[in-house]
Amino acid sequence: MDETDFCRALHRRHFIDNAALQRLAIERSAAFVVDPPGSVDWLLQSVAGRLSARQPFSLVRVGNGEGNAYGMTQPQEHDAIFTAFRAEFDSQNHVGIDRETA
């Protein structure tokens, strides 16, 4: 299987559209913000409120780095997985990384 076919097959196996992903996140969390206008104000107020009330909370930010790293947690079915991971890692961190370290 060539690299393009592999990538298409992997995409079909793992793809979840944005609407479905957003529904799951909303159903399974107390709050879910997709960077709409005002999200910074909401975030600051939420954190300040929890801190002043001494209430525990968790805050998770998921970006393309986390999505990219997820691919490295699975068995490497094709060199394209590491190649894509390394390119994203290098562009974000300005340093290289080898397969063993990743």
C-alpha atoms as a PDB file:
ATOM      1  CA  MET A   1       0.000   0.000   0.000  1.00  0.00           C
ATOM      2  CA  ASP A   2       1.507   3.339  -0.954  1.00  0.00           C
ATOM      3  CA  GLU A   3       1.635   6.309   1.421  1.00  0.00           C
ATOM      4  CA  THR A   4      -1.410   8.069  -0.041  1.00  0.00           C
ATOM      5  CA  ASP A   5      -3.592   4.964   0.139  1.00  0.00           C
ATOM      6  CA  PHE A   6      -2.421   4.301   3.694  1.00  0.00           C
ATOM      7  CA  CYS A   7      -3.254   7.854   4.783  1.00  0.00           C
ATOM      8  CA  ARG A   8      -6.716   7.682   3.216  1.00  0.00           C
ATOM      9  CA  ALA A   9      -7.468   4.330   4.854  1.00  0.00           C
ATOM     10  CA  LEU A  10      -6.266   5.582   8.251  1.00  0.00           C
ATOM     11  CA  HIS A  11      -8.385   8.713   7.894  1.00  0.00           C
ATOM     12  CA  ARG A  12     -11.502   6.670   7.083  1.00  0.00           C
ATOM     13  CA  ARG A  13     -10.870   4.417  10.106  1.00  0.00           C
ATOM     14  CA  HIS A  14     -10.362   7.221  12.637  1.00  0.00           C
ATOM     15  CA  PHE A  15     -12.321  10.168  11.263  1.00  0.00           C
ATOM     16  CA  ILE A  16     -15.013  11.736  13.378  1.00  0.00           C
ATOM     17  CA  ASP A  17     -16.573  14.904  12.036  1.00  0.00           C
ATOM     18  CA  ASN A  18     -16.445  18.132  14.010  1.00  0.00           C
ATOM     19  CA  ALA A  19     -20.150  18.099  14.870  1.00  0.00           C
ATOM     20  CA  ALA A  20     -19.988  14.560  16.286  1.00  0.00           C
ATOM     21  CA  LEU A  21     -16.801  15.339  18.194  1.00  0.00           C
ATOM     22  CA  GLN A  22     -18.333  18.488  19.642  1.00  0.00           C
ATOM     23  CA  ARG A  23     -21.469  16.563  20.748  1.00  0.00           C
ATOM     24  CA  LEU A  24     -19.332  13.967  22.542  1.00  0.00           C
ATOM     25  CA  ALA A  25     -17.260  16.633  24.286  1.00  0.00           C
ATOM     26  CA  ILE A  26     -20.337  18.555  25.412  1.00  0.00           C
ATOM     27  CA  GLU A  27     -22.062  15.393  26.677  1.00  0.00           C
ATOM     28  CA  ARG A  28     -19.032  14.284  28.681  1.00  0.00           C
ATOM     29  CA  SER A  29     -17.783  17.526  30.181  1.00  0.00           C
ATOM     30  CA  ALA A  30     -19.062  20.315  32.393  1.00  0.00           C
ATOM     31  CA  ALA A  31     -18.127  22.915  29.789  1.00  0.00           C
ATOM     32  CA  PHE A  32     -16.822  22.788  26.280  1.00  0.00           C
ATOM     33  CA  VAL A  33     -15.511  25.880  24.504  1.00  0.00           C
ATOM     34  CA  VAL A  34     -14.482  25.852  20.856  1.00  0.00           C
ATOM     35  CA  ASP A  35     -12.717  29.209  20.913  1.00  0.00           C
ATOM     36  CA  PRO A  36     -15.804  31.301  20.166  1.00  0.00           C
ATOM     37  CA  PRO A  37     -15.778  35.068  20.684  1.00  0.00           C
ATOM     38  CA  GLY A  38     -15.655  35.719  24.412  1.00  0.00           C
ATOM     39  CA  SER A  39     -14.032  32.405  25.286  1.00  0.00           C
ATOM     40  CA  VAL A  40     -11.045  34.110  26.932  1.00  0.00           C
ATOM     41  CA  ASP A  41     -13.339  36.124  29.202  1.00  0.00           C
ATOM     42  CA  TRP A  42     -15.358  32.997  30.014  1.00  0.00           C
ATOM     43  CA  LEU A  43     -12.187  31.069  30.767  1.00  0.00           C
ATOM     44  CA  LEU A  44     -10.761  33.778  33.047  1.00  0.00           C
ATOM     45  CA  GLN A  45     -14.049  34.116  34.937  1.00  0.00           C
ATOM     46  CA  SER A  46     -14.379  30.352  35.324  1.00  0.00           C
ATOM     47  CA  VAL A  47     -10.856  29.883  36.651  1.00  0.00           C
ATOM     48  CA  ALA A  48     -11.104  32.903  38.977  1.00  0.00           C
ATOM     49  CA  GLY A  49     -14.476  31.711  40.279  1.00  0.00           C
ATOM     50  CA  ARG A  50     -13.231  28.192  40.974  1.00  0.00           C
ATOM     51  CA  LEU A  51     -10.099  29.472  42.677  1.00  0.00           C
ATOM     52  CA  SER A  52     -11.927  31.939  44.902  1.00  0.00           C
ATOM     53  CA  ALA A  53     -14.514  29.261  45.807  1.00  0.00           C
ATOM     54  CA  ARG A  54     -11.674  26.786  46.402  1.00  0.00           C
ATOM     55  CA  GLN A  55     -13.370  24.290  44.088  1.00  0.00           C
ATOM     56  CA  PRO A  56     -11.270  21.710  42.269  1.00  0.00           C
ATOM     57  CA  PHE A  57     -11.421  21.700  38.502  1.00  0.00           C
ATOM     58  CA  SER A  58      -9.584  20.481  35.452  1.00  0.00           C
ATOM     59  CA  LEU A  59      -8.776  22.454  32.374  1.00  0.00           C
ATOM     60  CA  VAL A  60      -7.737  20.671  29.203  1.00  0.00           C
ATOM     61  CA  ARG A  61      -6.636  22.358  26.011  1.00  0.00           C
ATOM     62  CA  VAL A  62      -6.437  20.084  23.009  1.00  0.00           C
ATOM     63  CA  GLY A  63      -4.669  21.335  19.913  1.00  0.00           C
ATOM     64  CA  ASN A  64      -3.039  19.904  16.829  1.00  0.00           C
ATOM     65  CA  GLY A  65       0.043  18.841  18.820  1.00  0.00           C
ATOM     66  CA  GLU A  66      -2.060  16.539  20.996  1.00  0.00           C
ATOM     67  CA  GLY A  67      -3.834  15.125  17.981  1.00  0.00           C
ATOM     68  CA  ASN A  68      -0.502  14.571  16.273  1.00  0.00           C
ATOM     69  CA  ALA A  69       0.971  12.864  19.343  1.00  0.00           C
ATOM     70  CA  TYR A  70      -2.036  10.513  19.580  1.00  0.00           C
ATOM     71  CA  GLY A  71      -0.867   8.781  16.418  1.00  0.00           C
ATOM     72  CA  MET A  72       2.374   7.871  18.154  1.00  0.00           C
ATOM     73  CA  THR A  73       0.518   5.924  20.869  1.00  0.00           C
ATOM     74  CA  GLN A  74      -0.611   3.266  18.407  1.00  0.00           C
ATOM     75  CA  PRO A  75       1.465   0.605  16.642  1.00  0.00           C
ATOM     76  CA  GLN A  76       3.241   2.229  13.710  1.00  0.00           C
ATOM     77  CA  GLU A  77       1.488   0.781  10.677  1.00  0.00           C
ATOM     78  CA  HIS A  78       3.346   2.966   8.202  1.00  0.00           C
ATOM     79  CA  ASP A  79       6.333   5.317   8.133  1.00  0.00           C
ATOM     80  CA  ALA A  80       3.963   8.166   7.226  1.00  0.00           C
ATOM     81  CA  ILE A  81       2.753   8.311  10.848  1.00  0.00           C
ATOM     82  CA  PHE A  82       6.194   9.159  12.205  1.00  0.00           C
ATOM     83  CA  THR A  83       7.020  11.386   9.255  1.00  0.00           C
ATOM     84  CA  ALA A  84       3.927  13.511   9.919  1.00  0.00           C
ATOM     85  CA  PHE A  85       4.569  13.532  13.673  1.00  0.00           C
ATOM     86  CA  ARG A  86       8.193  14.591  13.198  1.00  0.00           C
ATOM     87  CA  ALA A  87       7.316  17.376  10.754  1.00  0.00           C
ATOM     88  CA  GLU A  88       4.729  18.843  13.158  1.00  0.00           C
ATOM     89  CA  PHE A  89       7.006  18.406  16.175  1.00  0.00           C
ATOM     90  CA  ASP A  90       9.930  20.066  14.393  1.00  0.00           C
ATOM     91  CA  SER A  91       7.785  22.991  13.242  1.00  0.00           C
ATOM     92  CA  GLN A  92       6.432  23.617  16.746  1.00  0.00           C
ATOM     93  CA  ASN A  93       9.625  23.041  18.739  1.00  0.00           C
ATOM     94  CA  HIS A  94      12.366  23.928  16.237  1.00  0.00           C
ATOM     95  CA  VAL A  95      14.300  20.792  17.169  1.00  0.00           C
ATOM     96  CA  GLY A  96      14.374  17.343  15.660  1.00  0.00           C
ATOM     97  CA  ILE A  97      13.228  14.167  17.370  1.00  0.00           C
ATOM     98  CA  ASP A  98      14.087  10.564  16.613  1.00  0.00           C
ATOM     99  CA  ARG A  99      11.617   7.685  16.538  1.00  0.00           C
ATOM    100  CA  GLU A 100      12.830   6.158  19.821  1.00  0.00           C
ATOM    101  CA  THR A 101      12.454   9.428  21.744  1.00  0.00           C
ATOM    102  CA  ALA A 102       9.036  10.094  20.222  1.00  0.00           C
END
